[in-house]
Amino acid sequence: MALSGGELLRLGRIARKMSQEDVVSLYGGISISTYRRWEGGKTLIPYDELKAIIEQVFKLSFTHLLAMDLQTNEQLKISA
């Protein structure tokens, strides 16, 4: 099952135990409302922005995040 950009943001953020505010503060250049729209799937996140947040803020490789299995994803959703 392919994850959306917003789902990838949420997965990475929760894996790193960060708040949405933490992500925005570390990434910079975007508002909290923009980030929330991206993560919530209300607005599509540009690929370059998604890749930068995953790699620069979450310190994960895109490949690693995409490889997380569905069971881990479900456990993270429950703990959020």
N, C-alpha and C. Protein backbone atom coordinates (compact mmCIF):
# COMPACT_ATOMS: atom_id res chain seq x y z
N MET A 1 0.84 -1.18 0.00
CA MET A 1 0.00 0.00 0.00
C MET A 1 0.89 1.25 0.00
N ALA A 2 0.71 2.10 -0.96
CA ALA A 2 1.49 3.33 -1.06
C ALA A 2 0.98 4.37 -0.08
N LEU A 3 1.91 5.00 0.62
CA LEU A 3 1.55 6.04 1.56
C LEU A 3 1.56 7.39 0.85
N SER A 4 0.67 8.26 1.26
CA SER A 4 0.64 9.61 0.69
C SER A 4 1.76 10.44 1.32
N GLY A 5 2.01 11.60 0.75
CA GLY A 5 3.02 12.50 1.32
C GLY A 5 2.69 12.87 2.75
N GLY A 6 1.43 13.16 3.02
CA GLY A 6 1.01 13.50 4.37
C GLY A 6 1.21 12.35 5.34
N GLU A 7 0.93 11.14 4.89
CA GLU A 7 1.13 9.97 5.74
C GLU A 7 2.61 9.74 6.02
N LEU A 8 3.46 9.99 5.03
CA LEU A 8 4.90 9.87 5.24
C LEU A 8 5.39 10.91 6.25
N LEU A 9 4.86 12.13 6.16
CA LEU A 9 5.23 13.15 7.14
C LEU A 9 4.85 12.71 8.54
N ARG A 10 3.63 12.23 8.69
CA ARG A 10 3.15 11.82 10.01
C ARG A 10 3.97 10.64 10.53
N LEU A 11 4.23 9.68 9.69
CA LEU A 11 5.00 8.51 10.09
C LEU A 11 6.39 8.90 10.56
N GLY A 12 7.07 9.74 9.79
CA GLY A 12 8.40 10.20 10.17
C GLY A 12 8.39 11.02 11.45
N ARG A 13 7.40 11.89 11.58
CA ARG A 13 7.30 12.75 12.76
C ARG A 13 7.07 11.93 14.02
N ILE A 14 6.18 10.96 13.94
CA ILE A 14 5.89 10.13 15.10
C ILE A 14 7.07 9.22 15.42
N ALA A 15 7.72 8.70 14.39
CA ALA A 15 8.89 7.85 14.61
C ALA A 15 9.98 8.61 15.35
N ARG A 16 10.08 9.90 15.10
CA ARG A 16 11.09 10.74 15.76
C ARG A 16 10.56 11.42 17.02
N LYS A 17 9.32 11.10 17.39
CA LYS A 17 8.70 11.65 18.61
C LYS A 17 8.72 13.18 18.62
N MET A 18 8.31 13.74 17.50
CA MET A 18 8.28 15.19 17.34
C MET A 18 6.84 15.68 17.24
N SER A 19 6.63 16.91 17.64
CA SER A 19 5.33 17.56 17.42
C SER A 19 5.37 18.23 16.05
N GLN A 20 4.21 18.61 15.57
CA GLN A 20 4.17 19.35 14.30
C GLN A 20 4.94 20.67 14.44
N GLU A 21 4.83 21.29 15.60
CA GLU A 21 5.54 22.53 15.85
C GLU A 21 7.06 22.33 15.80
N ASP A 22 7.53 21.19 16.33
CA ASP A 22 8.96 20.88 16.27
C ASP A 22 9.44 20.82 14.83
N VAL A 23 8.66 20.14 13.98
CA VAL A 23 9.04 19.98 12.58
C VAL A 23 9.14 21.34 11.90
N VAL A 24 8.13 22.17 12.09
CA VAL A 24 8.10 23.50 11.46
C VAL A 24 9.27 24.35 11.95
N SER A 25 9.55 24.28 13.24
CA SER A 25 10.65 25.06 13.81
C SER A 25 12.00 24.63 13.25
N LEU A 26 12.22 23.34 13.14
CA LEU A 26 13.49 22.84 12.62
C LEU A 26 13.64 23.05 11.12
N TYR A 27 12.54 22.90 10.40
CA TYR A 27 12.59 23.03 8.94
C TYR A 27 12.65 24.49 8.52
N GLY A 28 11.78 25.30 9.10
CA GLY A 28 11.75 26.72 8.78
C GLY A 28 11.16 27.01 7.42
N GLY A 29 10.71 28.23 7.24
CA GLY A 29 10.22 28.67 5.94
C GLY A 29 8.78 28.30 5.62
N ILE A 30 8.12 27.59 6.52
CA ILE A 30 6.71 27.25 6.32
C ILE A 30 5.95 27.55 7.62
N SER A 31 4.67 27.77 7.49
CA SER A 31 3.84 28.02 8.67
C SER A 31 3.31 26.70 9.22
N ILE A 32 2.88 26.74 10.46
CA ILE A 32 2.30 25.55 11.07
C ILE A 32 1.03 25.14 10.32
N SER A 33 0.27 26.12 9.84
CA SER A 33 -0.96 25.78 9.12
C SER A 33 -0.65 25.07 7.80
N THR A 34 0.41 25.49 7.12
CA THR A 34 0.82 24.80 5.89
C THR A 34 1.21 23.38 6.20
N TYR A 35 2.03 23.20 7.24
CA TYR A 35 2.46 21.85 7.59
C TYR A 35 1.25 20.99 7.94
N ARG A 36 0.33 21.50 8.71
CA ARG A 36 -0.85 20.73 9.10
C ARG A 36 -1.70 20.34 7.88
N ARG A 37 -1.80 21.25 6.91
CA ARG A 37 -2.54 20.92 5.68
C ARG A 37 -1.83 19.81 4.90
N TRP A 38 -0.50 19.88 4.84
CA TRP A 38 0.26 18.83 4.17
C TRP A 38 0.07 17.49 4.87
N GLU A 39 0.29 17.48 6.18
CA GLU A 39 0.21 16.22 6.92
C GLU A 39 -1.22 15.67 6.93
N GLY A 40 -2.19 16.55 6.97
CA GLY A 40 -3.58 16.13 6.99
C GLY A 40 -4.13 15.74 5.62
N GLY A 41 -3.33 15.94 4.59
CA GLY A 41 -3.75 15.57 3.25
C GLY A 41 -4.70 16.57 2.58
N LYS A 42 -4.84 17.74 3.18
CA LYS A 42 -5.72 18.75 2.59
C LYS A 42 -5.05 19.47 1.42
N THR A 43 -3.73 19.51 1.44
CA THR A 43 -2.94 20.12 0.38
C THR A 43 -1.80 19.16 0.04
N LEU A 44 -1.52 18.99 -1.23
CA LEU A 44 -0.41 18.12 -1.62
C LEU A 44 0.92 18.81 -1.31
N ILE A 45 1.84 18.06 -0.75
CA ILE A 45 3.16 18.60 -0.45
C ILE A 45 4.06 18.41 -1.67
N PRO A 46 4.76 19.45 -2.07
CA PRO A 46 5.71 19.29 -3.18
C PRO A 46 6.78 18.25 -2.83
N TYR A 47 7.17 17.46 -3.81
CA TYR A 47 8.13 16.37 -3.59
C TYR A 47 9.42 16.88 -2.95
N ASP A 48 9.95 17.99 -3.43
CA ASP A 48 11.21 18.52 -2.89
C ASP A 48 11.09 18.85 -1.41
N GLU A 49 9.94 19.41 -1.02
CA GLU A 49 9.71 19.74 0.39
C GLU A 49 9.61 18.46 1.22
N LEU A 50 8.87 17.48 0.72
CA LEU A 50 8.72 16.20 1.43
C LEU A 50 10.07 15.55 1.64
N LYS A 51 10.86 15.46 0.59
CA LYS A 51 12.18 14.83 0.67
C LYS A 51 13.08 15.58 1.65
N ALA A 52 13.05 16.89 1.61
CA ALA A 52 13.89 17.70 2.51
C ALA A 52 13.50 17.49 3.97
N ILE A 53 12.22 17.48 4.27
CA ILE A 53 11.78 17.29 5.66
C ILE A 53 12.17 15.90 6.14
N ILE A 54 11.95 14.89 5.32
CA ILE A 54 12.30 13.52 5.72
C ILE A 54 13.80 13.40 6.00
N GLU A 55 14.60 13.95 5.13
CA GLU A 55 16.05 13.80 5.27
C GLU A 55 16.68 14.77 6.25
N GLN A 56 16.25 16.04 6.24
CA GLN A 56 16.90 17.06 7.07
C GLN A 56 16.33 17.15 8.48
N VAL A 57 15.04 16.98 8.61
CA VAL A 57 14.41 17.12 9.93
C VAL A 57 14.31 15.77 10.63
N PHE A 58 13.79 14.77 9.94
CA PHE A 58 13.62 13.46 10.56
C PHE A 58 14.91 12.65 10.57
N LYS A 59 15.89 13.07 9.76
CA LYS A 59 17.17 12.37 9.65
C LYS A 59 16.96 10.90 9.24
N LEU A 60 16.04 10.71 8.30
CA LEU A 60 15.75 9.39 7.75
C LEU A 60 15.99 9.44 6.25
N SER A 61 16.31 8.31 5.68
CA SER A 61 16.38 8.26 4.23
C SER A 61 14.97 8.02 3.71
N PHE A 62 14.70 8.51 2.55
CA PHE A 62 13.40 8.30 1.92
C PHE A 62 13.12 6.80 1.81
N THR A 63 14.14 6.06 1.42
CA THR A 63 14.01 4.61 1.25
C THR A 63 13.65 3.93 2.56
N HIS A 64 14.29 4.34 3.65
CA HIS A 64 14.00 3.75 4.96
C HIS A 64 12.56 4.00 5.36
N LEU A 65 12.10 5.22 5.20
CA LEU A 65 10.73 5.56 5.58
C LEU A 65 9.73 4.79 4.73
N LEU A 66 9.98 4.70 3.44
CA LEU A 66 9.07 3.97 2.56
C LEU A 66 9.05 2.47 2.87
N ALA A 67 10.16 1.96 3.42
CA ALA A 67 10.26 0.53 3.71
C ALA A 67 9.61 0.12 5.02
N MET A 68 9.21 1.08 5.84
CA MET A 68 8.56 0.73 7.11
C MET A 68 7.32 -0.10 6.81
N ASP A 69 7.18 -1.20 7.52
CA ASP A 69 6.05 -2.09 7.21
C ASP A 69 4.74 -1.55 7.78
N LEU A 70 3.64 -2.10 7.31
CA LEU A 70 2.31 -1.65 7.72
C LEU A 70 2.07 -1.86 9.20
N GLN A 71 2.61 -2.91 9.79
CA GLN A 71 2.42 -3.16 11.20
C GLN A 71 3.02 -2.03 12.03
N THR A 72 4.23 -1.61 11.67
CA THR A 72 4.86 -0.50 12.37
C THR A 72 4.04 0.76 12.20
N ASN A 73 3.55 1.00 11.00
CA ASN A 73 2.72 2.16 10.72
C ASN A 73 1.47 2.15 11.59
N GLU A 74 0.82 1.03 11.72
CA GLU A 74 -0.38 0.94 12.55
C GLU A 74 -0.05 1.17 14.02
N GLN A 75 1.06 0.65 14.51
CA GLN A 75 1.45 0.86 15.90
C GLN A 75 1.71 2.33 16.16
N LEU A 76 2.33 3.02 15.22
CA LEU A 76 2.60 4.45 15.37
C LEU A 76 1.31 5.25 15.39
N LYS A 77 0.33 4.88 14.57
CA LYS A 77 -0.94 5.58 14.55
C LYS A 77 -1.65 5.46 15.89
N ILE A 78 -1.57 4.29 16.50
CA ILE A 78 -2.24 4.07 17.78
C ILE A 78 -1.58 4.88 18.88
N SER A 79 -0.26 5.01 18.86
CA SER A 79 0.44 5.70 19.92
C SER A 79 0.42 7.21 19.78
N ALA A 80 -0.06 7.72 18.66
CA ALA A 80 -0.04 9.18 18.44
C ALA A 80 -1.07 9.90 19.27
